[in-house]
Full PDB file with SEQRES, HELIX, SHEET, SSBOND, CRYST1, ORIGX, SCALE, CONECT and MASTER records, all heavy atoms in Angstrom:
SEQRES   1 A   40  MET SER GLN HIS PHE SER LEU TYR ASN ASP LEU THR VAL          
SEQRES   2 A   40  ILE GLN ASN LEU ARG PHE TYR GLY THR ALA TYR GLY LEU          
SEQRES   3 A   40  LYS ASN ASP ASP LEU GLU ALA GLN ILE GLN ARG SER LEU          
SEQRES   4 A   40  ARG                                                          
HELIX    1 AA1 VAL A   13  ALA A   23  1                                  11    
HELIX    2 AA2 ASN A   28  LEU A   39  1                                  12    
CRYST1    1.000    1.000    1.000  90.00  90.00  90.00 P 1           1          
ORIGX1      1.000000  0.000000  0.000000        0.00000                         
ORIGX2      0.000000  1.000000  0.000000        0.00000                         
ORIGX3      0.000000  0.000000  1.000000        0.00000                         
SCALE1      1.000000  0.000000  0.000000        0.00000                         
SCALE2      0.000000  1.000000  0.000000        0.00000                         
SCALE3      0.000000  0.000000  1.000000        0.00000                         
ATOM      1  N   MET A   1      96.604 109.391  88.355  1.00  0.00           N  
ATOM      2  CA  MET A   1      96.741 108.494  87.189  1.00  0.00           C  
ATOM      3  C   MET A   1      96.375 109.311  85.895  1.00  0.00           C  
ATOM      4  O   MET A   1      95.318 109.718  85.711  1.00  0.00           O  
ATOM      5  CB  MET A   1      95.757 107.330  87.349  1.00  0.00           C  
ATOM      6  CG  MET A   1      95.867 106.289  86.188  1.00  0.00           C  
ATOM      7  SD  MET A   1      94.788 104.904  86.584  1.00  0.00           S  
ATOM      8  CE  MET A   1      94.598 104.261  84.919  1.00  0.00           C  
ATOM      9  N   SER A   2      97.488 109.633  85.139  1.00  0.00           N  
ATOM     10  CA  SER A   2      97.260 110.366  83.947  1.00  0.00           C  
ATOM     11  C   SER A   2      96.719 109.573  82.821  1.00  0.00           C  
ATOM     12  O   SER A   2      96.746 108.313  82.892  1.00  0.00           O  
ATOM     13  CB  SER A   2      98.599 111.043  83.485  1.00  0.00           C  
ATOM     14  OG  SER A   2      99.412 110.053  82.913  1.00  0.00           O  
ATOM     15  N   GLN A   3      96.269 110.210  81.733  1.00  0.00           N  
ATOM     16  CA  GLN A   3      95.673 109.464  80.646  1.00  0.00           C  
ATOM     17  C   GLN A   3      96.689 108.629  79.913  1.00  0.00           C  
ATOM     18  O   GLN A   3      96.351 107.732  79.108  1.00  0.00           O  
ATOM     19  CB  GLN A   3      94.937 110.406  79.720  1.00  0.00           C  
ATOM     20  CG  GLN A   3      95.705 111.573  79.171  1.00  0.00           C  
ATOM     21  CD  GLN A   3      94.895 112.647  78.530  1.00  0.00           C  
ATOM     22  OE1 GLN A   3      94.023 112.348  77.664  1.00  0.00           O  
ATOM     23  NE2 GLN A   3      95.064 113.863  78.913  1.00  0.00           N  
ATOM     24  N   HIS A   4      98.002 108.938  80.121  1.00  0.00           N  
ATOM     25  CA  HIS A   4      99.057 108.155  79.353  1.00  0.00           C  
ATOM     26  C   HIS A   4      99.617 107.075  80.277  1.00  0.00           C  
ATOM     27  O   HIS A   4     100.573 106.322  79.909  1.00  0.00           O  
ATOM     28  CB  HIS A   4     100.124 109.099  78.955  1.00  0.00           C  
ATOM     29  CG  HIS A   4      99.605 110.164  78.032  1.00  0.00           C  
ATOM     30  ND1 HIS A   4      98.938 109.951  76.893  1.00  0.00           N  
ATOM     31  CD2 HIS A   4      99.610 111.561  78.164  1.00  0.00           C  
ATOM     32  CE1 HIS A   4      98.573 111.078  76.306  1.00  0.00           C  
ATOM     33  NE2 HIS A   4      98.931 112.083  77.091  1.00  0.00           N  
ATOM     34  N   PHE A   5      99.122 106.870  81.462  1.00  0.00           N  
ATOM     35  CA  PHE A   5      99.360 105.769  82.449  1.00  0.00           C  
ATOM     36  C   PHE A   5     100.746 105.847  83.028  1.00  0.00           C  
ATOM     37  O   PHE A   5     101.029 105.337  84.074  1.00  0.00           O  
ATOM     38  CB  PHE A   5      99.226 104.384  81.727  1.00  0.00           C  
ATOM     39  CG  PHE A   5      97.863 104.024  81.302  1.00  0.00           C  
ATOM     40  CD1 PHE A   5      97.710 102.904  80.567  1.00  0.00           C  
ATOM     41  CD2 PHE A   5      96.819 104.795  81.698  1.00  0.00           C  
ATOM     42  CE1 PHE A   5      96.362 102.534  80.163  1.00  0.00           C  
ATOM     43  CE2 PHE A   5      95.473 104.416  81.345  1.00  0.00           C  
ATOM     44  CZ  PHE A   5      95.248 103.353  80.537  1.00  0.00           C  
ATOM     45  N   SER A   6     101.783 106.601  82.352  1.00  0.00           N  
ATOM     46  CA  SER A   6     103.071 106.830  83.052  1.00  0.00           C  
ATOM     47  C   SER A   6     103.749 105.542  83.562  1.00  0.00           C  
ATOM     48  O   SER A   6     104.219 105.532  84.683  1.00  0.00           O  
ATOM     49  CB  SER A   6     102.963 107.838  84.180  1.00  0.00           C  
ATOM     50  OG  SER A   6     102.384 108.977  83.736  1.00  0.00           O  
ATOM     51  N   LEU A   7     103.734 104.503  82.810  1.00  0.00           N  
ATOM     52  CA  LEU A   7     104.397 103.313  83.195  1.00  0.00           C  
ATOM     53  C   LEU A   7     105.683 103.078  82.409  1.00  0.00           C  
ATOM     54  O   LEU A   7     105.852 103.674  81.313  1.00  0.00           O  
ATOM     55  CB  LEU A   7     103.488 102.039  82.928  1.00  0.00           C  
ATOM     56  CG  LEU A   7     102.148 102.001  83.686  1.00  0.00           C  
ATOM     57  CD1 LEU A   7     101.229 100.934  83.130  1.00  0.00           C  
ATOM     58  CD2 LEU A   7     102.410 101.792  85.189  1.00  0.00           C  
ATOM     59  N   TYR A   8     106.580 102.286  82.953  1.00  0.00           N  
ATOM     60  CA  TYR A   8     107.852 101.959  82.269  1.00  0.00           C  
ATOM     61  C   TYR A   8     107.734 100.678  81.531  1.00  0.00           C  
ATOM     62  O   TYR A   8     107.618  99.611  82.157  1.00  0.00           O  
ATOM     63  CB  TYR A   8     109.041 101.958  83.263  1.00  0.00           C  
ATOM     64  CG  TYR A   8     109.307 103.339  83.868  1.00  0.00           C  
ATOM     65  CD1 TYR A   8     108.745 103.758  85.065  1.00  0.00           C  
ATOM     66  CD2 TYR A   8     110.135 104.198  83.112  1.00  0.00           C  
ATOM     67  CE1 TYR A   8     108.994 105.027  85.543  1.00  0.00           C  
ATOM     68  CE2 TYR A   8     110.387 105.491  83.654  1.00  0.00           C  
ATOM     69  CZ  TYR A   8     109.793 105.903  84.824  1.00  0.00           C  
ATOM     70  OH  TYR A   8     110.054 107.157  85.257  1.00  0.00           O  
ATOM     71  N   ASN A   9     107.648 100.748  80.202  1.00  0.00           N  
ATOM     72  CA  ASN A   9     107.440  99.576  79.396  1.00  0.00           C  
ATOM     73  C   ASN A   9     108.456  98.491  79.525  1.00  0.00           C  
ATOM     74  O   ASN A   9     108.214  97.305  79.331  1.00  0.00           O  
ATOM     75  CB  ASN A   9     107.254  99.989  77.959  1.00  0.00           C  
ATOM     76  CG  ASN A   9     105.935 100.591  77.653  1.00  0.00           C  
ATOM     77  OD1 ASN A   9     104.877 100.207  78.255  1.00  0.00           O  
ATOM     78  ND2 ASN A   9     105.893 101.546  76.757  1.00  0.00           N  
ATOM     79  N   ASP A  10     109.730  98.857  79.716  1.00  0.00           N  
ATOM     80  CA  ASP A  10     110.811  97.926  79.810  1.00  0.00           C  
ATOM     81  C   ASP A  10     110.931  97.221  81.178  1.00  0.00           C  
ATOM     82  O   ASP A  10     111.742  96.332  81.392  1.00  0.00           O  
ATOM     83  CB  ASP A  10     112.114  98.506  79.387  1.00  0.00           C  
ATOM     84  CG  ASP A  10     112.453  99.798  80.148  1.00  0.00           C  
ATOM     85  OD1 ASP A  10     111.509 100.316  80.791  1.00  0.00           O  
ATOM     86  OD2 ASP A  10     113.629 100.198  80.192  1.00  0.00           O  
ATOM     87  N   LEU A  11     110.051  97.618  82.110  1.00  0.00           N  
ATOM     88  CA  LEU A  11     110.044  96.991  83.436  1.00  0.00           C  
ATOM     89  C   LEU A  11     108.866  95.954  83.489  1.00  0.00           C  
ATOM     90  O   LEU A  11     107.916  96.075  82.802  1.00  0.00           O  
ATOM     91  CB  LEU A  11     109.883  98.023  84.513  1.00  0.00           C  
ATOM     92  CG  LEU A  11     110.944  99.057  84.751  1.00  0.00           C  
ATOM     93  CD1 LEU A  11     110.621  99.979  85.897  1.00  0.00           C  
ATOM     94  CD2 LEU A  11     112.363  98.500  84.848  1.00  0.00           C  
ATOM     95  N   THR A  12     109.035  94.975  84.368  1.00  0.00           N  
ATOM     96  CA  THR A  12     107.981  94.078  84.643  1.00  0.00           C  
ATOM     97  C   THR A  12     106.859  94.731  85.540  1.00  0.00           C  
ATOM     98  O   THR A  12     107.104  95.857  86.035  1.00  0.00           O  
ATOM     99  CB  THR A  12     108.398  92.821  85.338  1.00  0.00           C  
ATOM    100  OG1 THR A  12     108.899  93.167  86.668  1.00  0.00           O  
ATOM    101  CG2 THR A  12     109.512  92.059  84.574  1.00  0.00           C  
ATOM    102  N   VAL A  13     105.748  93.983  85.714  1.00  0.00           N  
ATOM    103  CA  VAL A  13     104.721  94.559  86.528  1.00  0.00           C  
ATOM    104  C   VAL A  13     105.240  94.843  87.933  1.00  0.00           C  
ATOM    105  O   VAL A  13     104.985  95.918  88.513  1.00  0.00           O  
ATOM    106  CB  VAL A  13     103.542  93.504  86.594  1.00  0.00           C  
ATOM    107  CG1 VAL A  13     102.547  93.793  87.742  1.00  0.00           C  
ATOM    108  CG2 VAL A  13     102.742  93.505  85.285  1.00  0.00           C  
ATOM    109  N   ILE A  14     105.899  93.905  88.543  1.00  0.00           N  
ATOM    110  CA  ILE A  14     106.358  94.086  90.002  1.00  0.00           C  
ATOM    111  C   ILE A  14     107.455  95.075  90.037  1.00  0.00           C  
ATOM    112  O   ILE A  14     107.542  95.917  91.000  1.00  0.00           O  
ATOM    113  CB  ILE A  14     106.828  92.664  90.545  1.00  0.00           C  
ATOM    114  CG1 ILE A  14     106.881  92.863  92.123  1.00  0.00           C  
ATOM    115  CG2 ILE A  14     108.156  92.200  90.022  1.00  0.00           C  
ATOM    116  CD1 ILE A  14     106.194  91.799  92.827  1.00  0.00           C  
ATOM    117  N   GLN A  15     108.305  95.247  88.899  1.00  0.00           N  
ATOM    118  CA  GLN A  15     109.293  96.316  89.030  1.00  0.00           C  
ATOM    119  C   GLN A  15     108.680  97.681  88.928  1.00  0.00           C  
ATOM    120  O   GLN A  15     109.145  98.595  89.574  1.00  0.00           O  
ATOM    121  CB  GLN A  15     110.261  96.033  87.827  1.00  0.00           C  
ATOM    122  CG  GLN A  15     111.228  94.836  88.036  1.00  0.00           C  
ATOM    123  CD  GLN A  15     112.038  94.563  86.794  1.00  0.00           C  
ATOM    124  OE1 GLN A  15     111.585  94.839  85.632  1.00  0.00           O  
ATOM    125  NE2 GLN A  15     113.167  93.837  86.941  1.00  0.00           N  
ATOM    126  N   ASN A  16     107.655  97.783  88.138  1.00  0.00           N  
ATOM    127  CA  ASN A  16     106.961  99.084  88.080  1.00  0.00           C  
ATOM    128  C   ASN A  16     106.348  99.438  89.455  1.00  0.00           C  
ATOM    129  O   ASN A  16     106.521 100.627  89.955  1.00  0.00           O  
ATOM    130  CB  ASN A  16     105.791  99.068  87.014  1.00  0.00           C  
ATOM    131  CG  ASN A  16     106.177  99.736  85.716  1.00  0.00           C  
ATOM    132  OD1 ASN A  16     106.469 100.928  85.659  1.00  0.00           O  
ATOM    133  ND2 ASN A  16     106.183  98.971  84.631  1.00  0.00           N  
ATOM    134  N   LEU A  17     105.747  98.485  90.065  1.00  0.00           N  
ATOM    135  CA  LEU A  17     105.114  98.707  91.360  1.00  0.00           C  
ATOM    136  C   LEU A  17     106.243  99.056  92.427  1.00  0.00           C  
ATOM    137  O   LEU A  17     106.041  99.876  93.279  1.00  0.00           O  
ATOM    138  CB  LEU A  17     104.276  97.578  91.751  1.00  0.00           C  
ATOM    139  CG  LEU A  17     102.939  97.292  90.959  1.00  0.00           C  
ATOM    140  CD1 LEU A  17     102.347  96.045  91.500  1.00  0.00           C  
ATOM    141  CD2 LEU A  17     102.044  98.507  91.196  1.00  0.00           C  
ATOM    142  N   ARG A  18     107.311  98.290  92.324  1.00  0.00           N  
ATOM    143  CA  ARG A  18     108.405  98.601  93.315  1.00  0.00           C  
ATOM    144  C   ARG A  18     109.032  99.964  93.168  1.00  0.00           C  
ATOM    145  O   ARG A  18     109.310 100.713  94.085  1.00  0.00           O  
ATOM    146  CB  ARG A  18     109.431  97.459  93.158  1.00  0.00           C  
ATOM    147  CG  ARG A  18     110.449  97.415  94.334  1.00  0.00           C  
ATOM    148  CD  ARG A  18     111.175  96.079  94.426  1.00  0.00           C  
ATOM    149  NE  ARG A  18     110.351  95.074  95.027  1.00  0.00           N  
ATOM    150  CZ  ARG A  18     110.145  93.896  94.556  1.00  0.00           C  
ATOM    151  NH1 ARG A  18     110.759  93.478  93.432  1.00  0.00           N  
ATOM    152  NH2 ARG A  18     109.399  92.986  95.167  1.00  0.00           N  
ATOM    153  N   PHE A  19     109.148 100.368  91.808  1.00  0.00           N  
ATOM    154  CA  PHE A  19     109.683 101.732  91.545  1.00  0.00           C  
ATOM    155  C   PHE A  19     108.759 102.797  92.118  1.00  0.00           C  
ATOM    156  O   PHE A  19     109.196 103.710  92.780  1.00  0.00           O  
ATOM    157  CB  PHE A  19     109.838 101.899  90.019  1.00  0.00           C  
ATOM    158  CG  PHE A  19     110.163 103.264  89.574  1.00  0.00           C  
ATOM    159  CD1 PHE A  19     111.465 103.787  89.704  1.00  0.00           C  
ATOM    160  CD2 PHE A  19     109.213 104.201  89.272  1.00  0.00           C  
ATOM    161  CE1 PHE A  19     111.778 105.069  89.339  1.00  0.00           C  
ATOM    162  CE2 PHE A  19     109.456 105.536  88.864  1.00  0.00           C  
ATOM    163  CZ  PHE A  19     110.783 105.945  88.914  1.00  0.00           C  
ATOM    164  N   TYR A  20     107.429 102.706  91.829  1.00  0.00           N  
ATOM    165  CA  TYR A  20     106.510 103.692  92.327  1.00  0.00           C  
ATOM    166  C   TYR A  20     106.375 103.700  93.833  1.00  0.00           C  
ATOM    167  O   TYR A  20     106.277 104.664  94.481  1.00  0.00           O  
ATOM    168  CB  TYR A  20     105.208 103.573  91.657  1.00  0.00           C  
ATOM    169  CG  TYR A  20     105.107 104.177  90.270  1.00  0.00           C  
ATOM    170  CD1 TYR A  20     105.221 103.386  89.108  1.00  0.00           C  
ATOM    171  CD2 TYR A  20     105.062 105.559  90.050  1.00  0.00           C  
ATOM    172  CE1 TYR A  20     105.286 103.946  87.825  1.00  0.00           C  
ATOM    173  CE2 TYR A  20     105.135 106.136  88.818  1.00  0.00           C  
ATOM    174  CZ  TYR A  20     105.214 105.370  87.690  1.00  0.00           C  
ATOM    175  OH  TYR A  20     105.234 105.954  86.452  1.00  0.00           O  
ATOM    176  N   GLY A  21     106.341 102.484  94.392  1.00  0.00           N  
ATOM    177  CA  GLY A  21     106.241 102.428  95.879  1.00  0.00           C  
ATOM    178  C   GLY A  21     107.414 103.135  96.514  1.00  0.00           C  
ATOM    179  O   GLY A  21     107.299 103.843  97.570  1.00  0.00           O  
ATOM    180  N   THR A  22     108.659 102.879  95.974  1.00  0.00           N  
ATOM    181  CA  THR A  22     109.805 103.514  96.560  1.00  0.00           C  
ATOM    182  C   THR A  22     109.753 105.026  96.344  1.00  0.00           C  
ATOM    183  O   THR A  22     110.090 105.801  97.270  1.00  0.00           O  
ATOM    184  CB  THR A  22     111.091 102.944  95.881  1.00  0.00           C  
ATOM    185  OG1 THR A  22     111.098 101.499  96.034  1.00  0.00           O  
ATOM    186  CG2 THR A  22     112.349 103.542  96.460  1.00  0.00           C  
ATOM    187  N   ALA A  23     109.291 105.499  95.189  1.00  0.00           N  
ATOM    188  CA  ALA A  23     109.140 106.911  94.958  1.00  0.00           C  
ATOM    189  C   ALA A  23     108.171 107.528  95.947  1.00  0.00           C  
ATOM    190  O   ALA A  23     108.293 108.723  96.285  1.00  0.00           O  
ATOM    191  CB  ALA A  23     108.673 107.113  93.508  1.00  0.00           C  
ATOM    192  N   TYR A  24     107.193 106.728  96.399  1.00  0.00           N  
ATOM    193  CA  TYR A  24     106.170 107.303  97.357  1.00  0.00           C  
ATOM    194  C   TYR A  24     106.731 107.186  98.788  1.00  0.00           C  
ATOM    195  O   TYR A  24     106.058 107.610  99.744  1.00  0.00           O  
ATOM    196  CB  TYR A  24     104.832 106.478  97.326  1.00  0.00           C  
ATOM    197  CG  TYR A  24     103.995 106.799  96.106  1.00  0.00           C  
ATOM    198  CD1 TYR A  24     103.531 105.787  95.335  1.00  0.00           C  
ATOM    199  CD2 TYR A  24     103.659 108.131  95.731  1.00  0.00           C  
ATOM    200  CE1 TYR A  24     102.724 106.021  94.239  1.00  0.00           C  
ATOM    201  CE2 TYR A  24     102.819 108.347  94.651  1.00  0.00           C  
ATOM    202  CZ  TYR A  24     102.381 107.283  93.908  1.00  0.00           C  
ATOM    203  OH  TYR A  24     101.609 107.591  92.824  1.00  0.00           O  
ATOM    204  N   GLY A  25     107.928 106.655  98.913  1.00  0.00           N  
ATOM    205  CA  GLY A  25     108.563 106.617 100.286  1.00  0.00           C  
ATOM    206  C   GLY A  25     108.260 105.346 101.079  1.00  0.00           C  
ATOM    207  O   GLY A  25     108.588 105.270 102.264  1.00  0.00           O  
ATOM    208  N   LEU A  26     107.668 104.359 100.424  1.00  0.00           N  
ATOM    209  CA  LEU A  26     107.404 103.064 101.095  1.00  0.00           C  
ATOM    210  C   LEU A  26     108.714 102.259 101.213  1.00  0.00           C  
ATOM    211  O   LEU A  26     109.500 102.288 100.227  1.00  0.00           O  
ATOM    212  CB  LEU A  26     106.354 102.305 100.350  1.00  0.00           C  
ATOM    213  CG  LEU A  26     104.958 102.923 100.157  1.00  0.00           C  
ATOM    214  CD1 LEU A  26     104.049 102.064  99.305  1.00  0.00           C  
ATOM    215  CD2 LEU A  26     104.326 103.237 101.487  1.00  0.00           C  
ATOM    216  N   LYS A  27     108.825 101.532 102.277  1.00  0.00           N  
ATOM    217  CA  LYS A  27     110.127 100.727 102.495  1.00  0.00           C  
ATOM    218  C   LYS A  27     109.796  99.385 103.057  1.00  0.00           C  
ATOM    219  O   LYS A  27     108.806  99.157 103.702  1.00  0.00           O  
ATOM    220  CB  LYS A  27     111.000 101.478 103.508  1.00  0.00           C  
ATOM    221  CG  LYS A  27     111.540 102.852 102.962  1.00  0.00           C  
ATOM    222  CD  LYS A  27     112.350 103.561 104.008  1.00  0.00           C  
ATOM    223  CE  LYS A  27     112.780 104.884 103.525  1.00  0.00           C  
ATOM    224  NZ  LYS A  27     113.486 105.658 104.635  1.00  0.00           N  
ATOM    225  N   ASN A  28     110.738  98.471 102.774  1.00  0.00           N  
ATOM    226  CA  ASN A  28     110.777  97.171 103.396  1.00  0.00           C  
ATOM    227  C   ASN A  28     109.454  96.478 103.453  1.00  0.00           C  
ATOM    228  O   ASN A  28     108.785  96.263 102.438  1.00  0.00           O  
ATOM    229  CB  ASN A  28     111.346  97.287 104.804  1.00  0.00           C  
ATOM    230  CG  ASN A  28     112.721  98.010 104.714  1.00  0.00           C  
ATOM    231  OD1 ASN A  28     113.447  97.821 103.761  1.00  0.00           O  
ATOM    232  ND2 ASN A  28     113.029  98.818 105.764  1.00  0.00           N  
ATOM    233  N   ASP A  29     109.020  95.964 104.632  1.00  0.00           N  
ATOM    234  CA  ASP A  29     107.775  95.220 104.754  1.00  0.00           C  
ATOM    235  C   ASP A  29     106.549  95.929 104.308  1.00  0.00           C  
ATOM    236  O   ASP A  29     105.692  95.408 103.693  1.00  0.00           O  
ATOM    237  CB  ASP A  29     107.605  94.724 106.259  1.00  0.00           C  
ATOM    238  CG  ASP A  29     108.684  93.693 106.620  1.00  0.00           C  
ATOM    239  OD1 ASP A  29     109.331  93.190 105.741  1.00  0.00           O  
ATOM    240  OD2 ASP A  29     108.752  93.408 107.835  1.00  0.00           O  
ATOM    241  N   ASP A  30     106.522  97.258 104.605  1.00  0.00           N  
ATOM    242  CA  ASP A  30     105.384  98.065 104.193  1.00  0.00           C  
ATOM    243  C   ASP A  30     105.233  98.120 102.670  1.00  0.00           C  
ATOM    244  O   ASP A  30     104.155  97.979 102.101  1.00  0.00           O  
ATOM    245  CB  ASP A  30     105.466  99.483 104.827  1.00  0.00           C  
ATOM    246  CG  ASP A  30     104.175 100.306 104.559  1.00  0.00           C  
ATOM    247  OD1 ASP A  30     103.065  99.659 104.504  1.00  0.00           O  
ATOM    248  OD2 ASP A  30     104.225 101.544 104.516  1.00  0.00           O  
ATOM    249  N   LEU A  31     106.381  98.345 102.043  1.00  0.00           N  
ATOM    250  CA  LEU A  31     106.412  98.364 100.526  1.00  0.00           C  
ATOM    251  C   LEU A  31     105.922  97.017  99.962  1.00  0.00           C  
ATOM    252  O   LEU A  31     105.017  97.009  99.110  1.00  0.00           O  
ATOM    253  CB  LEU A  31     107.858  98.566 100.065  1.00  0.00           C  
ATOM    254  CG  LEU A  31     108.155  98.494  98.560  1.00  0.00           C  
ATOM    255  CD1 LEU A  31     107.263  99.565  97.808  1.00  0.00           C  
ATOM    256  CD2 LEU A  31     109.549  98.712  98.216  1.00  0.00           C  
ATOM    257  N   GLU A  32     106.482  95.857 100.545  1.00  0.00           N  
ATOM    258  CA  GLU A  32     106.007  94.612  99.958  1.00  0.00           C  
ATOM    259  C   GLU A  32     104.507  94.324 100.212  1.00  0.00           C  
ATOM    260  O   GLU A  32     103.852  93.750  99.396  1.00  0.00           O  
ATOM    261  CB  GLU A  32     106.883  93.505 100.562  1.00  0.00           C  
ATOM    262  CG  GLU A  32     108.391  93.572 100.108  1.00  0.00           C  
ATOM    263  CD  GLU A  32     108.517  93.664  98.589  1.00  0.00           C  
ATOM    264  OE1 GLU A  32     107.843  92.888  97.864  1.00  0.00           O  
ATOM    265  OE2 GLU A  32     109.281  94.567  98.097  1.00  0.00           O  
ATOM    266  N   ALA A  33     104.080  94.721 101.367  1.00  0.00           N  
ATOM    267  CA  ALA A  33     102.603  94.544 101.714  1.00  0.00           C  
ATOM    268  C   ALA A  33     101.741  95.309 100.791  1.00  0.00           C  
ATOM    269  O   ALA A  33     100.727  94.821 100.344  1.00  0.00           O  
ATOM    270  CB  ALA A  33     102.421  94.952 103.222  1.00  0.00           C  
ATOM    271  N   GLN A  34     102.111  96.541 100.550  1.00  0.00           N  
ATOM    272  CA  GLN A  34     101.338  97.355  99.625  1.00  0.00           C  
ATOM    273  C   GLN A  34     101.344  96.894  98.185  1.00  0.00           C  
ATOM    274  O   GLN A  34     100.362  97.028  97.474  1.00  0.00           O  
ATOM    275  CB  GLN A  34     101.714  98.893  99.722  1.00  0.00           C  
ATOM    276  CG  GLN A  34     101.430  99.505 101.114  1.00  0.00           C  
ATOM    277  CD  GLN A  34      99.985  99.213 101.482  1.00  0.00           C  
ATOM    278  OE1 GLN A  34      98.979  99.320 100.789  1.00  0.00           O  
ATOM    279  NE2 GLN A  34      99.862  98.774 102.796  1.00  0.00           N  
ATOM    280  N   ILE A  35     102.506  96.394  97.800  1.00  0.00           N  
ATOM    281  CA  ILE A  35     102.562  95.830  96.401  1.00  0.00           C  
ATOM    282  C   ILE A  35     101.633  94.615  96.324  1.00  0.00           C  
ATOM    283  O   ILE A  35     100.874  94.507  95.301  1.00  0.00           O  
ATOM    284  CB  ILE A  35     104.078  95.447  96.076  1.00  0.00           C  
ATOM    285  CG1 ILE A  35     104.870  96.646  95.792  1.00  0.00           C  
ATOM    286  CG2 ILE A  35     104.105  94.514  94.898  1.00  0.00           C  
ATOM    287  CD1 ILE A  35     106.401  96.350  95.661  1.00  0.00           C  
ATOM    288  N   GLN A  36     101.615  93.772  97.323  1.00  0.00           N  
ATOM    289  CA  GLN A  36     100.744  92.616  97.282  1.00  0.00           C  
ATOM    290  C   GLN A  36      99.287  93.029  97.299  1.00  0.00           C  
ATOM    291  O   GLN A  36      98.404  92.435  96.622  1.00  0.00           O  
ATOM    292  CB  GLN A  36     101.021  91.677  98.492  1.00  0.00           C  
ATOM    293  CG  GLN A  36     102.365  90.971  98.396  1.00  0.00           C  
ATOM    294  CD  GLN A  36     102.601  90.289  97.094  1.00  0.00           C  
ATOM    295  OE1 GLN A  36     101.808  89.520  96.550  1.00  0.00           O  
ATOM    296  NE2 GLN A  36     103.814  90.465  96.453  1.00  0.00           N  
ATOM    297  N   ARG A  37      98.957  94.045  98.111  1.00  0.00           N  
ATOM    298  CA  ARG A  37      97.638  94.624  98.129  1.00  0.00           C  
ATOM    299  C   ARG A  37      97.175  95.161  96.789  1.00  0.00           C  
ATOM    300  O   ARG A  37      96.093  94.905  96.230  1.00  0.00           O  
ATOM    301  CB  ARG A  37      97.546  95.748  99.142  1.00  0.00           C  
ATOM    302  CG  ARG A  37      96.244  96.524  99.170  1.00  0.00           C  
ATOM    303  CD  ARG A  37      96.223  97.642 100.222  1.00  0.00           C  
ATOM    304  NE  ARG A  37      95.071  98.570 100.053  1.00  0.00           N  
ATOM    305  CZ  ARG A  37      95.224  99.682  99.360  1.00  0.00           C  
ATOM    306  NH1 ARG A  37      96.277 100.065  98.773  1.00  0.00           N  
ATOM    307  NH2 ARG A  37      94.145 100.454  99.376  1.00  0.00           N  
ATOM    308  N   SER A  38      98.044  95.878  96.037  1.00  0.00           N  
ATOM    309  CA  SER A  38      97.764  96.440  94.770  1.00  0.00           C  
ATOM    310  C   SER A  38      97.614  95.294  93.726  1.00  0.00           C  
ATOM    311  O   SER A  38      96.719  95.435  92.909  1.00  0.00           O  
ATOM    312  CB  SER A  38      98.873  97.455  94.301  1.00  0.00           C  
ATOM    313  OG  SER A  38      98.728  98.687  94.897  1.00  0.00           O  
ATOM    314  N   LEU A  39      98.483  94.351  93.789  1.00  0.00           N  
ATOM    315  CA  LEU A  39      98.323  93.155  92.873  1.00  0.00           C  
ATOM    316  C   LEU A  39      97.050  92.530  93.005  1.00  0.00           C  
ATOM    317  O   LEU A  39      96.382  92.152  92.071  1.00  0.00           O  
ATOM    318  CB  LEU A  39      99.463  92.208  93.099  1.00  0.00           C  
ATOM    319  CG  LEU A  39     100.872  92.626  92.621  1.00  0.00           C  
ATOM    320  CD1 LEU A  39     101.955  91.654  93.194  1.00  0.00           C  
ATOM    321  CD2 LEU A  39     100.960  92.688  91.107  1.00  0.00           C  
ATOM    322  N   ARG A  40      96.611  92.264  94.298  1.00  0.00           N  
ATOM    323  CA  ARG A  40      95.326  91.625  94.618  1.00  0.00           C  
ATOM    324  C   ARG A  40      94.122  92.452  94.081  1.00  0.00           C  
ATOM    325  O   ARG A  40      93.269  91.979  93.375  1.00  0.00           O  
ATOM    326  CB  ARG A  40      95.164  91.408  96.059  1.00  0.00           C  
ATOM    327  CG  ARG A  40      95.619  90.069  96.622  1.00  0.00           C  
ATOM    328  CD  ARG A  40      95.031  89.785  97.915  1.00  0.00           C  
ATOM    329  NE  ARG A  40      95.143  90.892  98.901  1.00  0.00           N  
ATOM    330  CZ  ARG A  40      96.260  91.193  99.612  1.00  0.00           C  
ATOM    331  NH1 ARG A  40      97.367  90.494  99.474  1.00  0.00           N  
ATOM    332  NH2 ARG A  40      96.273  92.183 100.411  1.00  0.00           N  
TER     333      ARG A  40                                                      
MASTER        0    0    0    2    0    0    0    6  332    1    0    4          
END                                                                             
C-alpha cells in the first residue's frame, strides 16, 4: 500500500476491489469471497 493509495477514482468501491482482485489472480467464487472479506 503506497502513500498515494493507488486507487481508481472513477471506479466504485466494489469495482476497485474487483479490479485488484483480478490483478492478483483471484477468480470466481474465491474472488467474491475475498472481496466480501475485505469489505467486512
